[in-house]
PDB file of all heavy atoms in Angstrom:
ATOM      1  N   GLU A   1     -98.780  10.013 -30.886  1.00  0.00           N
ATOM      2  CA  GLU A   1     -98.474   8.617 -30.578  1.00  0.00           C
ATOM      3  C   GLU A   1     -97.131   8.221 -31.181  1.00  0.00           C
ATOM      4  O   GLU A   1     -96.305   7.570 -30.532  1.00  0.00           O
ATOM      5  CB  GLU A   1     -99.575   7.725 -31.134  1.00  0.00           C
ATOM      6  CG  GLU A   1     -99.305   6.234 -31.030  1.00  0.00           C
ATOM      7  CD  GLU A   1    -100.301   5.387 -31.806  1.00  0.00           C
ATOM      8  OE1 GLU A   1    -101.327   5.929 -32.273  1.00  0.00           O
ATOM      9  OE2 GLU A   1    -100.051   4.177 -31.954  1.00  0.00           O
ATOM     10  N   ALA A   2     -96.902   8.635 -32.428  1.00  0.00           N
ATOM     11  CA  ALA A   2     -95.670   8.260 -33.116  1.00  0.00           C
ATOM     12  C   ALA A   2     -94.449   8.858 -32.416  1.00  0.00           C
ATOM     13  O   ALA A   2     -93.452   8.164 -32.155  1.00  0.00           O
ATOM     14  CB  ALA A   2     -95.726   8.718 -34.565  1.00  0.00           C
ATOM     15  N   TYR A   3     -94.513  10.137 -32.094  1.00  0.00           N
ATOM     16  CA  TYR A   3     -93.374  10.788 -31.434  1.00  0.00           C
ATOM     17  C   TYR A   3     -93.179  10.270 -30.014  1.00  0.00           C
ATOM     18  O   TYR A   3     -92.051  10.214 -29.514  1.00  0.00           O
ATOM     19  CB  TYR A   3     -93.554  12.304 -31.423  1.00  0.00           C
ATOM     20  CG  TYR A   3     -93.082  12.976 -32.687  1.00  0.00           C
ATOM     21  CD1 TYR A   3     -93.982  13.363 -33.671  1.00  0.00           C
ATOM     22  CD2 TYR A   3     -91.727  13.219 -32.902  1.00  0.00           C
ATOM     23  CE1 TYR A   3     -93.553  13.977 -34.840  1.00  0.00           C
ATOM     24  CE2 TYR A   3     -91.284  13.827 -34.066  1.00  0.00           C
ATOM     25  CZ  TYR A   3     -92.205  14.202 -35.026  1.00  0.00           C
ATOM     26  OH  TYR A   3     -91.764  14.807 -36.188  1.00  0.00           O
ATOM     27  N   GLY A   4     -94.279   9.890 -29.362  1.00  0.00           N
ATOM     28  CA  GLY A   4     -94.184   9.402 -27.992  1.00  0.00           C
ATOM     29  C   GLY A   4     -93.388   8.122 -27.866  1.00  0.00           C
ATOM     30  O   GLY A   4     -92.875   7.803 -26.784  1.00  0.00           O
ATOM     31  N   GLY A   5     -93.238   7.380 -28.954  1.00  0.00           N
ATOM     32  CA  GLY A   5     -92.516   6.121 -28.899  1.00  0.00           C
ATOM     33  C   GLY A   5     -91.085   6.198 -29.401  1.00  0.00           C
ATOM     34  O   GLY A   5     -90.420   5.166 -29.533  1.00  0.00           O
ATOM     35  N   VAL A   6     -90.599   7.413 -29.665  1.00  0.00           N
ATOM     36  CA  VAL A   6     -89.265   7.574 -30.248  1.00  0.00           C
ATOM     37  C   VAL A   6     -88.296   8.169 -29.226  1.00  0.00           C
ATOM     38  O   VAL A   6     -88.631   9.109 -28.506  1.00  0.00           O
ATOM     39  CB  VAL A   6     -89.319   8.487 -31.488  1.00  0.00           C
ATOM     40  CG1 VAL A   6     -87.921   8.853 -31.954  1.00  0.00           C
ATOM     41  CG2 VAL A   6     -90.080   7.802 -32.616  1.00  0.00           C
ATOM     42  N   THR A   7     -87.093   7.616 -29.168  1.00  0.00           N
ATOM     43  CA  THR A   7     -86.001   8.211 -28.391  1.00  0.00           C
ATOM     44  C   THR A   7     -85.061   8.909 -29.365  1.00  0.00           C
ATOM     45  O   THR A   7     -84.385   8.246 -30.164  1.00  0.00           O
ATOM     46  CB  THR A   7     -85.226   7.134 -27.609  1.00  0.00           C
ATOM     47  OG1 THR A   7     -86.131   6.462 -26.719  1.00  0.00           O
ATOM     48  CG2 THR A   7     -84.104   7.769 -26.815  1.00  0.00           C
ATOM     49  N   PRO A   8     -85.023  10.244 -29.355  1.00  0.00           N
ATOM     50  CA  PRO A   8     -84.189  10.971 -30.326  1.00  0.00           C
ATOM     51  C   PRO A   8     -82.715  10.591 -30.201  1.00  0.00           C
ATOM     52  O   PRO A   8     -82.203  10.362 -29.103  1.00  0.00           O
ATOM     53  CB  PRO A   8     -84.412  12.440 -29.953  1.00  0.00           C
ATOM     54  CG  PRO A   8     -85.736  12.460 -29.253  1.00  0.00           C
ATOM     55  CD  PRO A   8     -85.804  11.166 -28.503  1.00  0.00           C
ATOM     56  N   ALA A   9     -82.026  10.522 -31.327  1.00  0.00           N
ATOM     57  CA  ALA A   9     -80.595  10.193 -31.340  1.00  0.00           C
ATOM     58  C   ALA A   9     -79.998  10.606 -32.676  1.00  0.00           C
ATOM     59  O   ALA A   9     -80.676  10.577 -33.705  1.00  0.00           O
ATOM     60  CB  ALA A   9     -80.386   8.700 -31.104  1.00  0.00           C
ATOM     61  N   VAL A  10     -78.736  10.968 -32.653  1.00  0.00           N
ATOM     62  CA  VAL A  10     -78.023  11.298 -33.884  1.00  0.00           C
ATOM     63  C   VAL A  10     -77.595   9.997 -34.554  1.00  0.00           C
ATOM     64  O   VAL A  10     -76.940   9.155 -33.915  1.00  0.00           O
ATOM     65  CB  VAL A  10     -76.785  12.176 -33.594  1.00  0.00           C
ATOM     66  CG1 VAL A  10     -76.011  12.456 -34.878  1.00  0.00           C
ATOM     67  CG2 VAL A  10     -77.207  13.483 -32.930  1.00  0.00           C
ATOM     68  N   PRO A  11     -77.938   9.759 -35.813  1.00  0.00           N
ATOM     69  CA  PRO A  11     -77.587   8.498 -36.482  1.00  0.00           C
ATOM     70  C   PRO A  11     -76.090   8.398 -36.760  1.00  0.00           C
ATOM     71  O   PRO A  11     -75.400   9.410 -36.902  1.00  0.00           O
ATOM     72  CB  PRO A  11     -78.386   8.570 -37.787  1.00  0.00           C
ATOM     73  CG  PRO A  11     -78.539  10.033 -38.055  1.00  0.00           C
ATOM     74  CD  PRO A  11     -78.687  10.679 -36.705  1.00  0.00           C
ATOM     75  N   HIS A  12     -75.607   7.175 -36.831  1.00  0.00           N
ATOM     76  CA  HIS A  12     -74.188   6.966 -37.127  1.00  0.00           C
ATOM     77  C   HIS A  12     -73.868   7.318 -38.573  1.00  0.00           C
ATOM     78  O   HIS A  12     -72.770   7.814 -38.889  1.00  0.00           O
ATOM     79  CB  HIS A  12     -73.805   5.509 -36.848  1.00  0.00           C
ATOM     80  CG  HIS A  12     -73.923   5.119 -35.411  1.00  0.00           C
ATOM     81  ND1 HIS A  12     -73.169   5.690 -34.406  1.00  0.00           N
ATOM     82  CD2 HIS A  12     -74.734   4.222 -34.790  1.00  0.00           C
ATOM     83  CE1 HIS A  12     -73.484   5.159 -33.246  1.00  0.00           C
ATOM     84  NE2 HIS A  12     -74.440   4.260 -33.447  1.00  0.00           N
ATOM     85  N   VAL A  13     -74.815   7.040 -39.477  1.00  0.00           N
ATOM     86  CA  VAL A  13     -74.631   7.355 -40.896  1.00  0.00           C
ATOM     87  C   VAL A  13     -75.784   8.238 -41.330  1.00  0.00           C
ATOM     88  O   VAL A  13     -76.947   7.930 -41.060  1.00  0.00           O
ATOM     89  CB  VAL A  13     -74.601   6.063 -41.758  1.00  0.00           C
ATOM     90  CG1 VAL A  13     -74.308   6.420 -43.212  1.00  0.00           C
ATOM     91  CG2 VAL A  13     -73.570   5.079 -41.219  1.00  0.00           C
ATOM     92  N   ARG A  14     -75.466   9.338 -42.011  1.00  0.00           N
ATOM     93  CA  ARG A  14     -76.503  10.280 -42.393  1.00  0.00           C
ATOM     94  C   ARG A  14     -77.222   9.815 -43.656  1.00  0.00           C
ATOM     95  O   ARG A  14     -76.677   9.080 -44.494  1.00  0.00           O
ATOM     96  CB  ARG A  14     -75.909  11.681 -42.609  1.00  0.00           C
ATOM     97  CG  ARG A  14     -75.067  12.191 -41.467  1.00  0.00           C
ATOM     98  CD  ARG A  14     -75.750  12.059 -40.107  1.00  0.00           C
ATOM     99  NE  ARG A  14     -76.811  13.010 -39.900  1.00  0.00           N
ATOM    100  CZ  ARG A  14     -76.701  14.106 -39.130  1.00  0.00           C
ATOM    101  NH1 ARG A  14     -75.558  14.376 -38.511  1.00  0.00           N
ATOM    102  NH2 ARG A  14     -77.731  14.916 -38.982  1.00  0.00           N
ATOM    103  N   ILE A  15     -78.457  10.259 -43.779  1.00  0.00           N
ATOM    104  CA  ILE A  15     -79.304   9.819 -44.888  1.00  0.00           C
ATOM    105  C   ILE A  15     -78.701  10.176 -46.240  1.00  0.00           C
ATOM    106  O   ILE A  15     -78.736   9.382 -47.189  1.00  0.00           O
ATOM    107  CB  ILE A  15     -80.713  10.413 -44.727  1.00  0.00           C
ATOM    108  CG1 ILE A  15     -81.446   9.705 -43.578  1.00  0.00           C
ATOM    109  CG2 ILE A  15     -81.516  10.293 -46.027  1.00  0.00           C
ATOM    110  CD1 ILE A  15     -82.797  10.289 -43.243  1.00  0.00           C
ATOM    111  N   LYS A  16     -78.139  11.371 -46.354  1.00  0.00           N
ATOM    112  CA  LYS A  16     -77.551  11.789 -47.636  1.00  0.00           C
ATOM    113  C   LYS A  16     -76.486  10.803 -48.106  1.00  0.00           C
ATOM    114  O   LYS A  16     -76.401  10.483 -49.301  1.00  0.00           O
ATOM    115  CB  LYS A  16     -76.949  13.186 -47.506  1.00  0.00           C
ATOM    116  CG  LYS A  16     -76.388  13.728 -48.810  1.00  0.00           C
ATOM    117  CD  LYS A  16     -75.852  15.145 -48.638  1.00  0.00           C
ATOM    118  CE  LYS A  16     -75.308  15.685 -49.961  1.00  0.00           C
ATOM    119  NZ  LYS A  16     -74.801  17.079 -49.809  1.00  0.00           N
ATOM    120  N   GLU A  17     -75.702  10.299 -47.172  1.00  0.00           N
ATOM    121  CA  GLU A  17     -74.648   9.338 -47.513  1.00  0.00           C
ATOM    122  C   GLU A  17     -75.251   8.001 -47.944  1.00  0.00           C
ATOM    123  O   GLU A  17     -74.811   7.385 -48.916  1.00  0.00           O
ATOM    124  CB  GLU A  17     -73.738   9.144 -46.301  1.00  0.00           C
ATOM    125  CG  GLU A  17     -72.578   8.185 -46.548  1.00  0.00           C
ATOM    126  CD  GLU A  17     -71.689   8.039 -45.334  1.00  0.00           C
ATOM    127  OE1 GLU A  17     -71.739   8.919 -44.437  1.00  0.00           O
ATOM    128  OE2 GLU A  17     -70.944   7.038 -45.269  1.00  0.00           O
ATOM    129  N   ILE A  18     -76.281   7.560 -47.242  1.00  0.00           N
ATOM    130  CA  ILE A  18     -76.905   6.279 -47.570  1.00  0.00           C
ATOM    131  C   ILE A  18     -77.527   6.312 -48.960  1.00  0.00           C
ATOM    132  O   ILE A  18     -77.460   5.340 -49.723  1.00  0.00           O
ATOM    133  CB  ILE A  18     -77.971   5.921 -46.520  1.00  0.00           C
ATOM    134  CG1 ILE A  18     -77.332   5.723 -45.154  1.00  0.00           C
ATOM    135  CG2 ILE A  18     -78.744   4.660 -46.932  1.00  0.00           C
ATOM    136  CD1 ILE A  18     -78.331   5.577 -44.019  1.00  0.00           C
ATOM    137  N   LEU A  19     -78.133   7.445 -49.312  1.00  0.00           N
ATOM    138  CA  LEU A  19     -78.831   7.553 -50.592  1.00  0.00           C
ATOM    139  C   LEU A  19     -77.899   7.488 -51.798  1.00  0.00           C
ATOM    140  O   LEU A  19     -78.370   7.325 -52.924  1.00  0.00           O
ATOM    141  CB  LEU A  19     -79.655   8.843 -50.634  1.00  0.00           C
ATOM    142  CG  LEU A  19     -80.830   8.918 -49.655  1.00  0.00           C
ATOM    143  CD1 LEU A  19     -81.549  10.254 -49.795  1.00  0.00           C
ATOM    144  CD2 LEU A  19     -81.809   7.768 -49.857  1.00  0.00           C
ATOM    145  N   GLN A  20     -76.613   7.617 -51.565  1.00  0.00           N
ATOM    146  CA  GLN A  20     -75.665   7.482 -52.673  1.00  0.00           C
ATOM    147  C   GLN A  20     -75.432   6.020 -53.048  1.00  0.00           C
ATOM    148  O   GLN A  20     -74.873   5.717 -54.101  1.00  0.00           O
ATOM    149  CB  GLN A  20     -74.323   8.137 -52.302  1.00  0.00           C
ATOM    150  CG  GLN A  20     -74.438   9.593 -51.864  1.00  0.00           C
ATOM    151  CD  GLN A  20     -75.234  10.442 -52.824  1.00  0.00           C
ATOM    152  OE1 GLN A  20     -74.963  10.455 -54.029  1.00  0.00           O
ATOM    153  NE2 GLN A  20     -76.239  11.147 -52.308  1.00  0.00           N
ATOM    154  N   LYS A  21     -75.869   5.119 -52.174  1.00  0.00           N
ATOM    155  CA  LYS A  21     -75.700   3.694 -52.433  1.00  0.00           C
ATOM    156  C   LYS A  21     -76.846   3.183 -53.310  1.00  0.00           C
ATOM    157  O   LYS A  21     -77.903   3.806 -53.389  1.00  0.00           O
ATOM    158  CB  LYS A  21     -75.688   2.907 -51.116  1.00  0.00           C
ATOM    159  CG  LYS A  21     -74.600   3.330 -50.127  1.00  0.00           C
ATOM    160  CD  LYS A  21     -74.729   2.545 -48.836  1.00  0.00           C
ATOM    161  CE  LYS A  21     -73.691   2.984 -47.818  1.00  0.00           C
ATOM    162  NZ  LYS A  21     -72.325   2.628 -48.266  1.00  0.00           N
ATOM    163  N   PRO A  22     -76.671   2.044 -53.994  1.00  0.00           N
ATOM    164  CA  PRO A  22     -77.776   1.454 -54.757  1.00  0.00           C
ATOM    165  C   PRO A  22     -78.966   1.166 -53.852  1.00  0.00           C
ATOM    166  O   PRO A  22     -78.804   0.865 -52.659  1.00  0.00           O
ATOM    167  CB  PRO A  22     -77.161   0.155 -55.310  1.00  0.00           C
ATOM    168  CG  PRO A  22     -75.688   0.391 -55.304  1.00  0.00           C
ATOM    169  CD  PRO A  22     -75.422   1.274 -54.128  1.00  0.00           C
ATOM    170  N   VAL A  23     -80.174   1.233 -54.395  1.00  0.00           N
ATOM    171  CA  VAL A  23     -81.392   1.036 -53.602  1.00  0.00           C
ATOM    172  C   VAL A  23     -81.365  -0.309 -52.875  1.00  0.00           C
ATOM    173  O   VAL A  23     -81.816  -0.417 -51.731  1.00  0.00           O
ATOM    174  CB  VAL A  23     -82.642   1.129 -54.507  1.00  0.00           C
ATOM    175  CG1 VAL A  23     -83.907   0.889 -53.700  1.00  0.00           C
ATOM    176  CG2 VAL A  23     -82.708   2.486 -55.199  1.00  0.00           C
ATOM    177  N   ALA A  24     -80.835  -1.326 -53.516  1.00  0.00           N
ATOM    178  CA  ALA A  24     -80.814  -2.659 -52.921  1.00  0.00           C
ATOM    179  C   ALA A  24     -79.969  -2.720 -51.650  1.00  0.00           C
ATOM    180  O   ALA A  24     -80.084  -3.674 -50.877  1.00  0.00           O
ATOM    181  CB  ALA A  24     -80.307  -3.682 -53.931  1.00  0.00           C
ATOM    182  N   GLU A  25     -79.132  -1.705 -51.396  1.00  0.00           N
ATOM    183  CA  GLU A  25     -78.297  -1.681 -50.184  1.00  0.00           C
ATOM    184  C   GLU A  25     -78.899  -0.839 -49.066  1.00  0.00           C
ATOM    185  O   GLU A  25     -78.300  -0.674 -48.005  1.00  0.00           O
ATOM    186  CB  GLU A  25     -76.896  -1.166 -50.544  1.00  0.00           C
ATOM    187  CG  GLU A  25     -76.142  -2.073 -51.491  1.00  0.00           C
ATOM    188  CD  GLU A  25     -74.735  -1.566 -51.795  1.00  0.00           C
ATOM    189  OE1 GLU A  25     -74.221  -0.735 -51.017  1.00  0.00           O
ATOM    190  OE2 GLU A  25     -74.153  -1.991 -52.814  1.00  0.00           O
ATOM    191  N   TRP A  26     -80.097  -0.299 -49.280  1.00  0.00           N
ATOM    192  CA  TRP A  26     -80.710   0.564 -48.272  1.00  0.00           C
ATOM    193  C   TRP A  26     -81.347  -0.219 -47.130  1.00  0.00           C
ATOM    194  O   TRP A  26     -81.526   0.318 -46.038  1.00  0.00           O
ATOM    195  CB  TRP A  26     -81.801   1.430 -48.907  1.00  0.00           C
ATOM    196  CG  TRP A  26     -81.325   2.457 -49.876  1.00  0.00           C
ATOM    197  CD1 TRP A  26     -80.050   2.770 -50.222  1.00  0.00           C
ATOM    198  CD2 TRP A  26     -82.163   3.310 -50.667  1.00  0.00           C
ATOM    199  NE1 TRP A  26     -80.020   3.763 -51.156  1.00  0.00           N
ATOM    200  CE2 TRP A  26     -81.302   4.112 -51.447  1.00  0.00           C
ATOM    201  CE3 TRP A  26     -83.546   3.470 -50.783  1.00  0.00           C
ATOM    202  CZ2 TRP A  26     -81.800   5.071 -52.339  1.00  0.00           C
ATOM    203  CZ3 TRP A  26     -84.048   4.416 -51.653  1.00  0.00           C
ATOM    204  CH2 TRP A  26     -83.172   5.215 -52.427  1.00  0.00           C
ATOM    205  N   LYS A  27     -81.717  -1.462 -47.364  1.00  0.00           N
ATOM    206  CA  LYS A  27     -82.609  -2.193 -46.464  1.00  0.00           C
ATOM    207  C   LYS A  27     -82.213  -2.116 -44.994  1.00  0.00           C
ATOM    208  O   LYS A  27     -83.049  -1.848 -44.126  1.00  0.00           O
ATOM    209  CB  LYS A  27     -82.702  -3.659 -46.911  1.00  0.00           C
ATOM    210  CG  LYS A  27     -83.594  -4.508 -46.013  1.00  0.00           C
ATOM    211  CD  LYS A  27     -83.679  -5.945 -46.507  1.00  0.00           C
ATOM    212  CE  LYS A  27     -84.555  -6.786 -45.575  1.00  0.00           C
ATOM    213  NZ  LYS A  27     -84.648  -8.197 -46.026  1.00  0.00           N
ATOM    214  N   ASP A  28     -80.977  -2.359 -44.668  1.00  0.00           N
ATOM    215  CA  ASP A  28     -80.565  -2.455 -43.269  1.00  0.00           C
ATOM    216  C   ASP A  28     -79.986  -1.170 -42.702  1.00  0.00           C
ATOM    217  O   ASP A  28     -79.612  -1.135 -41.517  1.00  0.00           O
ATOM    218  CB  ASP A  28     -79.544  -3.593 -43.101  1.00  0.00           C
ATOM    219  CG  ASP A  28     -80.131  -4.949 -43.455  1.00  0.00           C
ATOM    220  OD1 ASP A  28     -81.300  -5.191 -43.096  1.00  0.00           O
ATOM    221  OD2 ASP A  28     -79.430  -5.748 -44.113  1.00  0.00           O
ATOM    222  N   VAL A  29     -79.909  -0.127 -43.524  1.00  0.00           N
ATOM    223  CA  VAL A  29     -79.262   1.104 -43.042  1.00  0.00           C
ATOM    224  C   VAL A  29     -80.138   2.346 -43.139  1.00  0.00           C
ATOM    225  O   VAL A  29     -79.930   3.308 -42.392  1.00  0.00           O
ATOM    226  CB  VAL A  29     -77.938   1.358 -43.808  1.00  0.00           C
ATOM    227  CG1 VAL A  29     -76.883   0.342 -43.394  1.00  0.00           C
ATOM    228  CG2 VAL A  29     -78.141   1.330 -45.322  1.00  0.00           C
ATOM    229  N   LEU A  30     -81.115   2.351 -44.055  1.00  0.00           N
ATOM    230  CA  LEU A  30     -81.991   3.511 -44.215  1.00  0.00           C
ATOM    231  C   LEU A  30     -83.258   3.255 -43.409  1.00  0.00           C
ATOM    232  O   LEU A  30     -84.120   2.479 -43.805  1.00  0.00           O
ATOM    233  CB  LEU A  30     -82.318   3.727 -45.697  1.00  0.00           C
ATOM    234  CG  LEU A  30     -83.061   5.021 -46.045  1.00  0.00           C
ATOM    235  CD1 LEU A  30     -82.224   6.246 -45.712  1.00  0.00           C
ATOM    236  CD2 LEU A  30     -83.445   5.043 -47.528  1.00  0.00           C
ATOM    237  N   LYS A  31     -83.374   3.918 -42.274  1.00  0.00           N
ATOM    238  CA  LYS A  31     -84.416   3.578 -41.306  1.00  0.00           C
ATOM    239  C   LYS A  31     -85.396   4.728 -41.089  1.00  0.00           C
ATOM    240  O   LYS A  31     -85.070   5.897 -41.294  1.00  0.00           O
ATOM    241  CB  LYS A  31     -83.769   3.202 -39.961  1.00  0.00           C
ATOM    242  CG  LYS A  31     -82.816   2.010 -40.067  1.00  0.00           C
ATOM    243  CD  LYS A  31     -82.231   1.649 -38.720  1.00  0.00           C
ATOM    244  CE  LYS A  31     -81.256   0.484 -38.836  1.00  0.00           C
ATOM    245  NZ  LYS A  31     -81.875  -0.735 -39.350  1.00  0.00           N
ATOM    246  N   ASN A  32     -86.590   4.356 -40.664  1.00  0.00           N
ATOM    247  CA  ASN A  32     -87.597   5.305 -40.203  1.00  0.00           C
ATOM    248  C   ASN A  32     -87.747   5.088 -38.699  1.00  0.00           C
ATOM    249  O   ASN A  32     -88.207   4.028 -38.260  1.00  0.00           O
ATOM    250  CB  ASN A  32     -88.923   5.067 -40.919  1.00  0.00           C
ATOM    251  CG  ASN A  32     -90.027   6.013 -40.472  1.00  0.00           C
ATOM    252  OD1 ASN A  32     -89.995   6.569 -39.384  1.00  0.00           O
ATOM    253  ND2 ASN A  32     -91.040   6.176 -41.316  1.00  0.00           N
ATOM    254  N   ASP A  33     -87.354   6.073 -37.904  1.00  0.00           N
ATOM    255  CA  ASP A  33     -87.334   5.908 -36.450  1.00  0.00           C
ATOM    256  C   ASP A  33     -88.710   5.637 -35.847  1.00  0.00           C
ATOM    257  O   ASP A  33     -88.805   5.143 -34.725  1.00  0.00           O
ATOM    258  CB  ASP A  33     -86.741   7.161 -35.791  1.00  0.00           C
ATOM    259  CG  ASP A  33     -85.221   7.212 -35.881  1.00  0.00           C
ATOM    260  OD1 ASP A  33     -84.613   6.185 -36.249  1.00  0.00           O
ATOM    261  OD2 ASP A  33     -84.646   8.274 -35.586  1.00  0.00           O
ATOM    262  N   PHE A  34     -89.764   5.959 -36.566  1.00  0.00           N
ATOM    263  CA  PHE A  34     -91.102   5.736 -36.033  1.00  0.00           C
ATOM    264  C   PHE A  34     -91.529   4.269 -36.102  1.00  0.00           C
ATOM    265  O   PHE A  34     -92.481   3.860 -35.432  1.00  0.00           O
ATOM    266  CB  PHE A  34     -92.136   6.571 -36.796  1.00  0.00           C
ATOM    267  CG  PHE A  34     -92.022   8.055 -36.551  1.00  0.00           C
ATOM    268  CD1 PHE A  34     -91.802   8.924 -37.604  1.00  0.00           C
ATOM    269  CD2 PHE A  34     -92.158   8.578 -35.285  1.00  0.00           C
ATOM    270  CE1 PHE A  34     -91.705  10.289 -37.393  1.00  0.00           C
ATOM    271  CE2 PHE A  34     -92.061   9.941 -35.050  1.00  0.00           C
ATOM    272  CZ  PHE A  34     -91.835  10.798 -36.113  1.00  0.00           C
ATOM    273  N   GLU A  35     -90.857   3.482 -36.926  1.00  0.00           N
ATOM    274  CA  GLU A  35     -91.354   2.133 -37.195  1.00  0.00           C
ATOM    275  C   GLU A  35     -91.373   1.239 -35.953  1.00  0.00           C
ATOM    276  O   GLU A  35     -92.321   0.467 -35.761  1.00  0.00           O
ATOM    277  CB  GLU A  35     -90.511   1.469 -38.288  1.00  0.00           C
ATOM    278  CG  GLU A  35     -90.784   1.992 -39.672  1.00  0.00           C
ATOM    279  CD  GLU A  35     -90.087   1.184 -40.753  1.00  0.00           C
ATOM    280  OE1 GLU A  35     -89.251   0.321 -40.405  1.00  0.00           O
ATOM    281  OE2 GLU A  35     -90.376   1.411 -41.929  1.00  0.00           O
ATOM    282  N   ILE A  36     -90.365   1.303 -35.112  1.00  0.00           N
ATOM    283  CA  ILE A  36     -90.271   0.366 -33.991  1.00  0.00           C
ATOM    284  C   ILE A  36     -91.504   0.452 -33.106  1.00  0.00           C
ATOM    285  O   ILE A  36     -92.167  -0.563 -32.818  1.00  0.00           O
ATOM    286  CB  ILE A  36     -88.991   0.625 -33.169  1.00  0.00           C
ATOM    287  CG1 ILE A  36     -87.751   0.298 -34.009  1.00  0.00           C
ATOM    288  CG2 ILE A  36     -89.006  -0.215 -31.898  1.00  0.00           C
ATOM    289  CD1 ILE A  36     -86.443   0.619 -33.313  1.00  0.00           C
ATOM    290  N   SER A  37     -91.853   1.661 -32.674  1.00  0.00           N
ATOM    291  CA  SER A  37     -92.994   1.798 -31.761  1.00  0.00           C
ATOM    292  C   SER A  37     -94.328   1.638 -32.490  1.00  0.00           C
ATOM    293  O   SER A  37     -95.269   1.052 -31.951  1.00  0.00           O
ATOM    294  CB  SER A  37     -92.940   3.141 -31.045  1.00  0.00           C
ATOM    295  OG  SER A  37     -93.022   4.218 -31.955  1.00  0.00           O
ATOM    296  N   VAL A  38     -94.416   2.138 -33.724  1.00  0.00           N
ATOM    297  CA  VAL A  38     -95.671   2.024 -34.469  1.00  0.00           C
ATOM    298  C   VAL A  38     -95.956   0.568 -34.809  1.00  0.00           C
ATOM    299  O   VAL A  38     -97.091   0.089 -34.662  1.00  0.00           O
ATOM    300  CB  VAL A  38     -95.636   2.887 -35.744  1.00  0.00           C
ATOM    301  CG1 VAL A  38     -96.842   2.590 -36.629  1.00  0.00           C
ATOM    302  CG2 VAL A  38     -95.630   4.375 -35.383  1.00  0.00           C
ATOM    303  N   PHE A  39     -94.945  -0.174 -35.244  1.00  0.00           N
ATOM    304  CA  PHE A  39     -95.145  -1.583 -35.567  1.00  0.00           C
ATOM    305  C   PHE A  39     -95.527  -2.385 -34.315  1.00  0.00           C
ATOM    306  O   PHE A  39     -96.301  -3.345 -34.397  1.00  0.00           O
ATOM    307  CB  PHE A  39     -93.896  -2.189 -36.187  1.00  0.00           C
ATOM    308  CG  PHE A  39     -93.605  -1.715 -37.598  1.00  0.00           C
ATOM    309  CD1 PHE A  39     -92.480  -2.170 -38.268  1.00  0.00           C
ATOM    310  CD2 PHE A  39     -94.434  -0.816 -38.240  1.00  0.00           C
ATOM    311  CE1 PHE A  39     -92.208  -1.752 -39.568  1.00  0.00           C
ATOM    312  CE2 PHE A  39     -94.159  -0.376 -39.532  1.00  0.00           C
ATOM    313  CZ  PHE A  39     -93.052  -0.851 -40.199  1.00  0.00           C
ATOM    314  N   ALA A  40     -94.971  -1.993 -33.161  1.00  0.00           N
ATOM    315  CA  ALA A  40     -95.295  -2.699 -31.931  1.00  0.00           C
ATOM    316  C   ALA A  40     -96.768  -2.516 -31.570  1.00  0.00           C
ATOM    317  O   ALA A  40     -97.421  -3.457 -31.101  1.00  0.00           O
ATOM    318  CB  ALA A  40     -94.409  -2.203 -30.790  1.00  0.00           C
ATOM    319  N   ARG A  41     -97.296  -1.312 -31.778  1.00  0.00           N
ATOM    320  CA  ARG A  41     -98.703  -1.037 -31.458  1.00  0.00           C
ATOM    321  C   ARG A  41     -99.642  -1.528 -32.557  1.00  0.00           C
ATOM    322  O   ARG A  41    -100.781  -1.893 -32.285  1.00  0.00           O
ATOM    323  CB  ARG A  41     -98.901   0.468 -31.254  1.00  0.00           C
ATOM    324  CG  ARG A  41     -98.276   1.025 -29.999  1.00  0.00           C
ATOM    325  CD  ARG A  41     -98.713   2.469 -29.787  1.00  0.00           C
ATOM    326  NE  ARG A  41     -98.170   3.038 -28.566  1.00  0.00           N
ATOM    327  CZ  ARG A  41     -97.043   3.720 -28.481  1.00  0.00           C
ATOM    328  NH1 ARG A  41     -96.327   3.915 -29.577  1.00  0.00           N
ATOM    329  NH2 ARG A  41     -96.614   4.199 -27.333  1.00  0.00           N
ATOM    330  N   HIS A  42     -99.153  -1.488 -33.801  1.00  0.00           N
ATOM    331  CA  HIS A  42     -99.998  -1.839 -34.947  1.00  0.00           C
ATOM    332  C   HIS A  42     -99.244  -2.847 -35.823  1.00  0.00           C
ATOM    333  O   HIS A  42     -98.701  -2.489 -36.869  1.00  0.00           O
ATOM    334  CB  HIS A  42    -100.346  -0.588 -35.755  1.00  0.00           C
ATOM    335  CG  HIS A  42    -100.946   0.521 -34.942  1.00  0.00           C
ATOM    336  ND1 HIS A  42    -102.248   0.491 -34.503  1.00  0.00           N
ATOM    337  CD2 HIS A  42    -100.404   1.681 -34.483  1.00  0.00           C
ATOM    338  CE1 HIS A  42    -102.498   1.597 -33.822  1.00  0.00           C
ATOM    339  NE2 HIS A  42    -101.408   2.332 -33.791  1.00  0.00           N
ATOM    340  N   PRO A  43     -99.171  -4.105 -35.406  1.00  0.00           N
ATOM    341  CA  PRO A  43     -98.367  -5.096 -36.139  1.00  0.00           C
ATOM    342  C   PRO A  43     -98.811  -5.290 -37.584  1.00  0.00           C
ATOM    343  O   PRO A  43     -98.004  -5.730 -38.411  1.00  0.00           O
ATOM    344  CB  PRO A  43     -98.539  -6.379 -35.317  1.00  0.00           C
ATOM    345  CG  PRO A  43     -99.730  -6.139 -34.447  1.00  0.00           C
ATOM    346  CD  PRO A  43     -99.784  -4.676 -34.191  1.00  0.00           C
TER     347      PRO A  43
END
C-alpha cells in the first residue's frame, strides 16, 4: 500500500546534506516520501 502511493523521483537535496544542518532546520526539507499517500488514507 505504501509503495503503491509513491511516485519515485530523485530529490533536489540529498539526505546526507540535509543532516548536516541543525535539527530545527529539517522540518521543511527532510521528507519521508510515504507520508503523502499514507496520511491521505490514514489521517
